[in-house]
Amino acid sequence: MAGHSKFKNIMHRKGAQDKKRAKIFAKHIRELTVAAKTGLPDPEMNPRLRTAIAAARADNMPKDNIDRAIKRASEGADGDNYEEMRYEGYGPGGVAVIVETLTDNRNRTAAEVRAAFSKSGGSLGETGAVSFMFDQVGQITYAAEGIDADEIFEIALEAGAENVESSDDAHEITCAREDFNDVQSALEEKFGTPQEAGIIWKPNNSTPLETEEKANSIMKLIDVLEDNDDVQNVFANFDIPDEIMEKLGG
């Protein structure tokens, strides 16, 4: 289902983000910093930090970088005070969009996010404008290769997962937000670090984009948002046919 997770369609374009590795690492450092400051700097005692570390590792962030970020945060380094802000609105084609940010200047971030929506032909709304169309759930993704579908299904459900979807490419496990850490721990103990793990906004319904023009417009908005240093995650409820995604990817 397109738009089911953190832009599942865009996962096919992940290779294109390799050139943005420094920017991706910077986003991980922000999350690691906030996670370490909002709890203990020990991932065993701090679920959010454990999740942040897993996400950083999934993007091949060096261990030294991860450790330095946690150390700086635990020592109260200056200049690392970030505020969590969420923005909601409608993108081109009526697609519902949620933007999660970590910022040290909320006025700057609000202006930049608003400008991105406006230039795309969309509109930014108030908090709650579209989030009622989504559920916050835990999601953990493993590559399909080397993992038996029946085995991961049994372990995930025993740990408290609500759903497991396996395909030729991946195993995608979803669970209630409050069960995320238990499910993540059980899976990591058996299968190691996942490709992705975190709390996501899962849409309850999707908005179909049946033309290349509409699909291109929403993808451009997503690219602009994700390129913003303050933006951590972007979620939406679009549904783009595979043949159109292939054209855009080309």
C-alpha atoms as a PDB file:
ATOM      1  CA  MET A   1       0.000   0.000   0.000  1.00  0.00           C
ATOM      2  CA  ALA A   2       1.638   3.211  -1.160  1.00  0.00           C
ATOM      3  CA  GLY A   3       2.059   5.765   1.584  1.00  0.00           C
ATOM      4  CA  HIS A   4       1.402   3.017   4.154  1.00  0.00           C
ATOM      5  CA  SER A   5       4.626   3.693   6.035  1.00  0.00           C
ATOM      6  CA  LYS A   6       7.183   6.451   5.834  1.00  0.00           C
ATOM      7  CA  PHE A   7       6.615   6.826   2.113  1.00  0.00           C
ATOM      8  CA  LYS A   8       6.956   3.218   1.172  1.00  0.00           C
ATOM      9  CA  ASN A   9       7.123   4.204  -2.494  1.00  0.00           C
ATOM     10  CA  ILE A  10      10.138   6.348  -1.816  1.00  0.00           C
ATOM     11  CA  MET A  11      12.006   3.406  -0.332  1.00  0.00           C
ATOM     12  CA  HIS A  12      12.848   2.428  -3.918  1.00  0.00           C
ATOM     13  CA  ARG A  13      14.717   5.697  -4.256  1.00  0.00           C
ATOM     14  CA  LYS A  14      16.801   5.257  -1.139  1.00  0.00           C
ATOM     15  CA  GLY A  15      19.941   4.846  -3.209  1.00  0.00           C
ATOM     16  CA  ALA A  16      19.505   8.392  -4.447  1.00  0.00           C
ATOM     17  CA  GLN A  17      19.866   9.575  -0.873  1.00  0.00           C
ATOM     18  CA  ASP A  18      23.400   8.229  -0.538  1.00  0.00           C
ATOM     19  CA  LYS A  19      24.718  11.606  -1.688  1.00  0.00           C
ATOM     20  CA  LYS A  20      22.817  13.167   1.197  1.00  0.00           C
ATOM     21  CA  ARG A  21      24.498  10.967   3.795  1.00  0.00           C
ATOM     22  CA  ALA A  22      25.920  13.890   5.760  1.00  0.00           C
ATOM     23  CA  LYS A  23      22.448  15.444   5.980  1.00  0.00           C
ATOM     24  CA  ILE A  24      20.927  12.121   7.033  1.00  0.00           C
ATOM     25  CA  PHE A  25      23.570  11.707   9.735  1.00  0.00           C
ATOM     26  CA  ALA A  26      22.859  15.238  10.981  1.00  0.00           C
ATOM     27  CA  LYS A  27      19.192  14.333  11.421  1.00  0.00           C
ATOM     28  CA  HIS A  28      20.166  11.224  13.365  1.00  0.00           C
ATOM     29  CA  ILE A  29      22.455  13.288  15.583  1.00  0.00           C
ATOM     30  CA  ARG A  30      19.554  15.591  16.455  1.00  0.00           C
ATOM     31  CA  GLU A  31      17.339  12.664  17.416  1.00  0.00           C
ATOM     32  CA  LEU A  32      20.133  10.999  19.387  1.00  0.00           C
ATOM     33  CA  THR A  33      20.745  14.288  21.209  1.00  0.00           C
ATOM     34  CA  VAL A  34      17.107  14.800  22.144  1.00  0.00           C
ATOM     35  CA  ALA A  35      16.659  11.146  23.097  1.00  0.00           C
ATOM     36  CA  ALA A  36      19.721  11.185  25.359  1.00  0.00           C
ATOM     37  CA  LYS A  37      18.645  14.447  26.996  1.00  0.00           C
ATOM     38  CA  THR A  38      15.054  13.370  27.653  1.00  0.00           C
ATOM     39  CA  GLY A  39      16.128  10.214  29.477  1.00  0.00           C
ATOM     40  CA  LEU A  40      19.180   8.329  30.650  1.00  0.00           C
ATOM     41  CA  PRO A  41      22.131   8.108  28.206  1.00  0.00           C
ATOM     42  CA  ASP A  42      21.916   4.309  28.526  1.00  0.00           C
ATOM     43  CA  PRO A  43      19.913   2.765  25.651  1.00  0.00           C
ATOM     44  CA  GLU A  44      18.950  -0.192  27.859  1.00  0.00           C
ATOM     45  CA  MET A  45      17.131   2.219  30.175  1.00  0.00           C
ATOM     46  CA  ASN A  46      15.984   4.686  27.501  1.00  0.00           C
ATOM     47  CA  PRO A  47      13.667   3.212  24.826  1.00  0.00           C
ATOM     48  CA  ARG A  48      13.706   6.346  22.673  1.00  0.00           C
ATOM     49  CA  LEU A  49      17.507   6.363  22.627  1.00  0.00           C
ATOM     50  CA  ARG A  50      17.577   2.668  21.739  1.00  0.00           C
ATOM     51  CA  THR A  51      15.268   3.354  18.815  1.00  0.00           C
ATOM     52  CA  ALA A  52      17.391   6.323  17.694  1.00  0.00           C
ATOM     53  CA  ILE A  53      20.533   4.185  17.769  1.00  0.00           C
ATOM     54  CA  ALA A  54      18.845   1.435  15.747  1.00  0.00           C
ATOM     55  CA  ALA A  55      17.707   3.956  13.131  1.00  0.00           C
ATOM     56  CA  ALA A  56      21.198   5.452  12.882  1.00  0.00           C
ATOM     57  CA  ARG A  57      22.772   2.027  12.479  1.00  0.00           C
ATOM     58  CA  ALA A  58      20.252   1.147   9.786  1.00  0.00           C
ATOM     59  CA  ASP A  59      21.605   4.114   7.794  1.00  0.00           C
ATOM     60  CA  ASN A  60      25.180   2.896   8.371  1.00  0.00           C
ATOM     61  CA  MET A  61      26.107   5.732  10.704  1.00  0.00           C
ATOM     62  CA  PRO A  62      29.520   4.964  12.279  1.00  0.00           C
ATOM     63  CA  LYS A  63      29.472   3.870  15.909  1.00  0.00           C
ATOM     64  CA  ASP A  64      31.933   6.638  16.844  1.00  0.00           C
ATOM     65  CA  ASN A  65      29.510   9.279  15.544  1.00  0.00           C
ATOM     66  CA  ILE A  66      26.660   7.764  17.535  1.00  0.00           C
ATOM     67  CA  ASP A  67      28.710   7.567  20.724  1.00  0.00           C
ATOM     68  CA  ARG A  68      29.932  11.171  20.373  1.00  0.00           C
ATOM     69  CA  ALA A  69      26.401  12.497  19.933  1.00  0.00           C
ATOM     70  CA  ILE A  70      25.202  10.672  23.060  1.00  0.00           C
ATOM     71  CA  LYS A  71      28.215  11.816  25.065  1.00  0.00           C
ATOM     72  CA  ARG A  72      27.746  15.457  24.072  1.00  0.00           C
ATOM     73  CA  ALA A  73      24.087  15.322  25.041  1.00  0.00           C
ATOM     74  CA  SER A  74      24.744  13.623  28.373  1.00  0.00           C
ATOM     75  CA  GLU A  75      27.384  16.240  29.192  1.00  0.00           C
ATOM     76  CA  GLY A  76      24.921  19.046  28.460  1.00  0.00           C
ATOM     77  CA  ALA A  77      26.812  20.498  25.489  1.00  0.00           C
ATOM     78  CA  ASP A  78      25.675  23.996  24.558  1.00  0.00           C
ATOM     79  CA  GLY A  79      23.823  24.652  21.325  1.00  0.00           C
ATOM     80  CA  ASP A  80      21.957  21.368  21.311  1.00  0.00           C
ATOM     81  CA  ASN A  81      18.559  22.479  22.579  1.00  0.00           C
ATOM     82  CA  TYR A  82      15.973  21.287  20.093  1.00  0.00           C
ATOM     83  CA  GLU A  83      12.212  21.608  20.293  1.00  0.00           C
ATOM     84  CA  GLU A  84       9.850  19.029  18.819  1.00  0.00           C
ATOM     85  CA  MET A  85       7.240  20.533  16.514  1.00  0.00           C
ATOM     86  CA  ARG A  86       4.647  18.852  14.285  1.00  0.00           C
ATOM     87  CA  TYR A  87       3.084  20.452  11.221  1.00  0.00           C
ATOM     88  CA  GLU A  88       0.050  19.208   9.326  1.00  0.00           C
ATOM     89  CA  GLY A  89      -1.550  20.152   6.059  1.00  0.00           C
ATOM     90  CA  TYR A  90      -2.669  19.159   2.598  1.00  0.00           C
ATOM     91  CA  GLY A  91      -0.284  18.761  -0.299  1.00  0.00           C
ATOM     92  CA  PRO A  92      -1.090  18.759  -4.023  1.00  0.00           C
ATOM     93  CA  GLY A  93      -3.929  16.441  -4.982  1.00  0.00           C
ATOM     94  CA  GLY A  94      -5.453  16.728  -1.521  1.00  0.00           C
ATOM     95  CA  VAL A  95      -2.837  14.441   0.042  1.00  0.00           C
ATOM     96  CA  ALA A  96      -2.723  14.653   3.853  1.00  0.00           C
ATOM     97  CA  VAL A  97       0.802  15.345   5.100  1.00  0.00           C
ATOM     98  CA  ILE A  98       2.367  15.260   8.582  1.00  0.00           C
ATOM     99  CA  VAL A  99       5.814  16.767   9.154  1.00  0.00           C
ATOM    100  CA  GLU A 100       7.813  16.065  12.313  1.00  0.00           C
ATOM    101  CA  THR A 101      10.650  18.453  13.135  1.00  0.00           C
ATOM    102  CA  LEU A 102      13.372  19.066  15.701  1.00  0.00           C
ATOM    103  CA  THR A 103      14.319  22.731  15.671  1.00  0.00           C
ATOM    104  CA  ASP A 104      16.284  25.331  17.577  1.00  0.00           C
ATOM    105  CA  ASN A 105      14.248  28.112  15.945  1.00  0.00           C
ATOM    106  CA  ARG A 106      10.525  27.402  15.627  1.00  0.00           C
ATOM    107  CA  ASN A 107       9.820  30.637  13.709  1.00  0.00           C
ATOM    108  CA  ARG A 108      12.335  29.730  11.010  1.00  0.00           C
ATOM    109  CA  THR A 109      11.063  26.172  10.723  1.00  0.00           C
ATOM    110  CA  ALA A 110       7.399  27.191  10.584  1.00  0.00           C
ATOM    111  CA  ALA A 111       8.122  29.714   7.832  1.00  0.00           C
ATOM    112  CA  GLU A 112      10.106  27.218   5.755  1.00  0.00           C
ATOM    113  CA  VAL A 113       7.534  24.425   6.092  1.00  0.00           C
ATOM    114  CA  ARG A 114       4.691  26.827   5.269  1.00  0.00           C
ATOM    115  CA  ALA A 115       6.579  28.057   2.192  1.00  0.00           C
ATOM    116  CA  ALA A 116       7.140  24.490   0.978  1.00  0.00           C
ATOM    117  CA  PHE A 117       3.417  23.717   1.189  1.00  0.00           C
ATOM    118  CA  SER A 118       2.449  27.000  -0.466  1.00  0.00           C
ATOM    119  CA  LYS A 119       4.874  26.642  -3.389  1.00  0.00           C
ATOM    120  CA  SER A 120       3.597  23.131  -4.074  1.00  0.00           C
ATOM    121  CA  GLY A 121      -0.007  24.323  -4.280  1.00  0.00           C
ATOM    122  CA  GLY A 122      -0.838  22.847  -0.892  1.00  0.00           C
ATOM    123  CA  SER A 123      -1.748  24.483   2.396  1.00  0.00           C
ATOM    124  CA  LEU A 124      -0.490  24.189   5.944  1.00  0.00           C
ATOM    125  CA  GLY A 125      -3.161  23.784   8.618  1.00  0.00           C
ATOM    126  CA  GLU A 126      -3.369  23.792  12.385  1.00  0.00           C
ATOM    127  CA  THR A 127      -2.155  20.930  14.561  1.00  0.00           C
ATOM    128  CA  GLY A 128      -4.770  18.201  14.278  1.00  0.00           C
ATOM    129  CA  ALA A 129      -5.843  19.239  10.776  1.00  0.00           C
ATOM    130  CA  VAL A 130      -5.014  15.826   9.277  1.00  0.00           C
ATOM    131  CA  SER A 131      -3.607  13.660  12.089  1.00  0.00           C
ATOM    132  CA  PHE A 132      -7.110  12.366  12.858  1.00  0.00           C
ATOM    133  CA  MET A 133      -6.801  10.429   9.584  1.00  0.00           C
ATOM    134  CA  PHE A 134      -3.722   8.582  10.866  1.00  0.00           C
ATOM    135  CA  ASP A 135      -2.861   6.222  13.713  1.00  0.00           C
ATOM    136  CA  GLN A 136       0.460   6.361  15.543  1.00  0.00           C
ATOM    137  CA  VAL A 137       1.909   2.865  15.576  1.00  0.00           C
ATOM    138  CA  GLY A 138       5.249   1.172  15.972  1.00  0.00           C
ATOM    139  CA  GLN A 139       6.797  -0.175  12.790  1.00  0.00           C
ATOM    140  CA  ILE A 140       9.826  -2.419  12.340  1.00  0.00           C
ATOM    141  CA  THR A 141      11.147  -3.525   8.955  1.00  0.00           C
ATOM    142  CA  TYR A 142      13.578  -6.300   8.084  1.00  0.00           C
ATOM    143  CA  ALA A 143      14.909  -7.336   4.689  1.00  0.00           C
ATOM    144  CA  ALA A 144      13.215 -10.527   3.500  1.00  0.00           C
ATOM    145  CA  GLU A 145      16.458 -12.257   2.574  1.00  0.00           C
ATOM    146  CA  GLY A 146      17.618 -14.770   5.145  1.00  0.00           C
ATOM    147  CA  ILE A 147      14.540 -14.495   7.395  1.00  0.00           C
ATOM    148  CA  ASP A 148      11.780 -17.073   7.332  1.00  0.00           C
ATOM    149  CA  ALA A 149       8.336 -15.461   7.111  1.00  0.00           C
ATOM    150  CA  ASP A 150       6.681 -17.966   9.456  1.00  0.00           C
ATOM    151  CA  GLU A 151       9.419 -17.588  12.060  1.00  0.00           C
ATOM    152  CA  ILE A 152       9.340 -13.791  12.198  1.00  0.00           C
ATOM    153  CA  PHE A 153       5.533 -13.913  12.231  1.00  0.00           C
ATOM    154  CA  GLU A 154       5.478 -16.166  15.302  1.00  0.00           C
ATOM    155  CA  ILE A 155       8.122 -14.220  17.225  1.00  0.00           C
ATOM    156  CA  ALA A 156       6.544 -10.848  16.442  1.00  0.00           C
ATOM    157  CA  LEU A 157       3.032 -11.864  17.429  1.00  0.00           C
ATOM    158  CA  GLU A 158       4.248 -13.559  20.611  1.00  0.00           C
ATOM    159  CA  ALA A 159       5.988 -10.280  21.544  1.00  0.00           C
ATOM    160  CA  GLY A 160       2.784  -8.296  21.045  1.00  0.00           C
ATOM    161  CA  ALA A 161       2.787  -7.238  17.387  1.00  0.00           C
ATOM    162  CA  GLU A 162      -0.572  -6.591  15.740  1.00  0.00           C
ATOM    163  CA  ASN A 163       0.363  -7.388  12.154  1.00  0.00           C
ATOM    164  CA  VAL A 164       3.163  -8.857  10.056  1.00  0.00           C
ATOM    165  CA  GLU A 165       3.288  -8.401   6.286  1.00  0.00           C
ATOM    166  CA  SER A 166       5.926 -10.319   4.342  1.00  0.00           C
ATOM    167  CA  SER A 167       6.816  -9.815   0.696  1.00  0.00           C
ATOM    168  CA  ASP A 168       9.700 -10.759  -1.588  1.00  0.00           C
ATOM    169  CA  ASP A 169      11.539  -7.638  -0.399  1.00  0.00           C
ATOM    170  CA  ALA A 170      10.769  -7.165   3.290  1.00  0.00           C
ATOM    171  CA  HIS A 171       9.029  -8.145   6.491  1.00  0.00           C
ATOM    172  CA  GLU A 172       7.028  -5.245   7.930  1.00  0.00           C
ATOM    173  CA  ILE A 173       5.863  -5.556  11.521  1.00  0.00           C
ATOM    174  CA  THR A 174       3.400  -3.137  13.116  1.00  0.00           C
ATOM    175  CA  CYS A 175       2.314  -2.890  16.737  1.00  0.00           C
ATOM    176  CA  ALA A 176       0.616  -0.555  19.187  1.00  0.00           C
ATOM    177  CA  ARG A 177       2.809   2.347  20.220  1.00  0.00           C
ATOM    178  CA  GLU A 178       2.952   1.155  23.828  1.00  0.00           C
ATOM    179  CA  ASP A 179       4.165  -2.306  22.724  1.00  0.00           C
ATOM    180  CA  PHE A 180       6.871  -1.026  20.372  1.00  0.00           C
ATOM    181  CA  ASN A 181       9.870  -1.483  22.682  1.00  0.00           C
ATOM    182  CA  ASP A 182       8.916  -5.043  23.663  1.00  0.00           C
ATOM    183  CA  VAL A 183       8.380  -6.069  20.053  1.00  0.00           C
ATOM    184  CA  GLN A 184      11.577  -4.350  18.904  1.00  0.00           C
ATOM    185  CA  SER A 185      13.629  -6.050  21.627  1.00  0.00           C
ATOM    186  CA  ALA A 186      12.268  -9.509  20.820  1.00  0.00           C
ATOM    187  CA  LEU A 187      12.962  -9.115  17.115  1.00  0.00           C
ATOM    188  CA  GLU A 188      16.449  -7.659  17.588  1.00  0.00           C
ATOM    189  CA  GLU A 189      17.391 -10.506  19.905  1.00  0.00           C
ATOM    190  CA  LYS A 190      16.596 -12.997  17.156  1.00  0.00           C
ATOM    191  CA  PHE A 191      17.226 -11.136  13.895  1.00  0.00           C
ATOM    192  CA  GLY A 192      19.606  -8.285  14.788  1.00  0.00           C
ATOM    193  CA  THR A 193      19.301  -4.623  13.836  1.00  0.00           C
ATOM    194  CA  PRO A 194      16.291  -3.911  11.569  1.00  0.00           C
ATOM    195  CA  GLN A 195      16.362  -1.865   8.388  1.00  0.00           C
ATOM    196  CA  GLU A 196      13.991   0.624   9.981  1.00  0.00           C
ATOM    197  CA  ALA A 197      12.336   0.963  13.370  1.00  0.00           C
ATOM    198  CA  GLY A 198      10.289   3.736  14.888  1.00  0.00           C
ATOM    199  CA  ILE A 199       6.943   5.275  15.673  1.00  0.00           C
ATOM    200  CA  ILE A 200       5.137   6.255  12.484  1.00  0.00           C
ATOM    201  CA  TRP A 201       1.878   7.905  11.424  1.00  0.00           C
ATOM    202  CA  LYS A 202      -0.027   5.221   9.517  1.00  0.00           C
ATOM    203  CA  PRO A 203      -2.867   6.548   7.333  1.00  0.00           C
ATOM    204  CA  ASN A 204      -6.316   5.052   7.780  1.00  0.00           C
ATOM    205  CA  ASN A 205      -7.167   5.711   4.134  1.00  0.00           C
ATOM    206  CA  SER A 206      -5.279   6.728   1.024  1.00  0.00           C
ATOM    207  CA  THR A 207      -5.600   9.469  -1.576  1.00  0.00           C
ATOM    208  CA  PRO A 208      -5.087   8.076  -5.095  1.00  0.00           C
ATOM    209  CA  LEU A 209      -2.896  10.072  -7.487  1.00  0.00           C
ATOM    210  CA  GLU A 210      -3.629   8.679 -10.917  1.00  0.00           C
ATOM    211  CA  THR A 211      -1.635  11.130 -13.058  1.00  0.00           C
ATOM    212  CA  GLU A 212       2.091  11.624 -13.376  1.00  0.00           C
ATOM    213  CA  GLU A 213       1.667  15.371 -12.861  1.00  0.00           C
ATOM    214  CA  LYS A 214      -0.049  14.990  -9.479  1.00  0.00           C
ATOM    215  CA  ALA A 215       2.393  12.295  -8.367  1.00  0.00           C
ATOM    216  CA  ASN A 216       5.364  14.431  -9.375  1.00  0.00           C
ATOM    217  CA  SER A 217       3.990  17.401  -7.445  1.00  0.00           C
ATOM    218  CA  ILE A 218       3.642  15.522  -4.159  1.00  0.00           C
ATOM    219  CA  MET A 219       7.057  13.920  -4.572  1.00  0.00           C
ATOM    220  CA  LYS A 220       8.628  17.350  -5.101  1.00  0.00           C
ATOM    221  CA  LEU A 221       6.993  18.609  -1.907  1.00  0.00           C
ATOM    222  CA  ILE A 222       8.314  15.604   0.000  1.00  0.00           C
ATOM    223  CA  ASP A 223      11.806  16.138  -1.395  1.00  0.00           C
ATOM    224  CA  VAL A 224      11.792  19.796  -0.322  1.00  0.00           C
ATOM    225  CA  LEU A 225      10.588  18.933   3.160  1.00  0.00           C
ATOM    226  CA  GLU A 226      13.022  16.075   3.651  1.00  0.00           C
ATOM    227  CA  ASP A 227      15.874  18.277   2.445  1.00  0.00           C
ATOM    228  CA  ASN A 228      15.156  20.719   5.288  1.00  0.00           C
ATOM    229  CA  ASP A 229      17.656  20.289   8.119  1.00  0.00           C
ATOM    230  CA  ASP A 230      14.934  20.709  10.756  1.00  0.00           C
ATOM    231  CA  VAL A 231      12.631  18.035   9.328  1.00  0.00           C
ATOM    232  CA  GLN A 232      13.017  14.575  10.828  1.00  0.00           C
ATOM    233  CA  ASN A 233      10.123  12.640   9.289  1.00  0.00           C
ATOM    234  CA  VAL A 234       7.401  13.138   6.690  1.00  0.00           C
ATOM    235  CA  PHE A 235       4.278  10.980   6.437  1.00  0.00           C
ATOM    236  CA  ALA A 236       1.422  11.112   3.919  1.00  0.00           C
ATOM    237  CA  ASN A 237      -1.579   9.151   2.685  1.00  0.00           C
ATOM    238  CA  PHE A 238      -0.917   9.164  -1.061  1.00  0.00           C
ATOM    239  CA  ASP A 239      -1.390   6.124  -3.285  1.00  0.00           C
ATOM    240  CA  ILE A 240       0.660   6.234  -6.487  1.00  0.00           C
ATOM    241  CA  PRO A 241       0.372   3.379  -9.023  1.00  0.00           C
ATOM    242  CA  ASP A 242       3.594   1.408  -9.487  1.00  0.00           C
ATOM    243  CA  GLU A 243       3.868   2.288 -13.168  1.00  0.00           C
ATOM    244  CA  ILE A 244       3.851   6.011 -12.368  1.00  0.00           C
ATOM    245  CA  MET A 245       6.372   5.574  -9.557  1.00  0.00           C
ATOM    246  CA  GLU A 246       8.673   3.764 -11.967  1.00  0.00           C
ATOM    247  CA  LYS A 247       8.505   6.714 -14.381  1.00  0.00           C
ATOM    248  CA  LEU A 248       9.271   9.167 -11.603  1.00  0.00           C
ATOM    249  CA  GLY A 249      12.104   7.000 -10.337  1.00  0.00           C
ATOM    250  CA  GLY A 250      13.604   6.927 -13.803  1.00  0.00           C
END
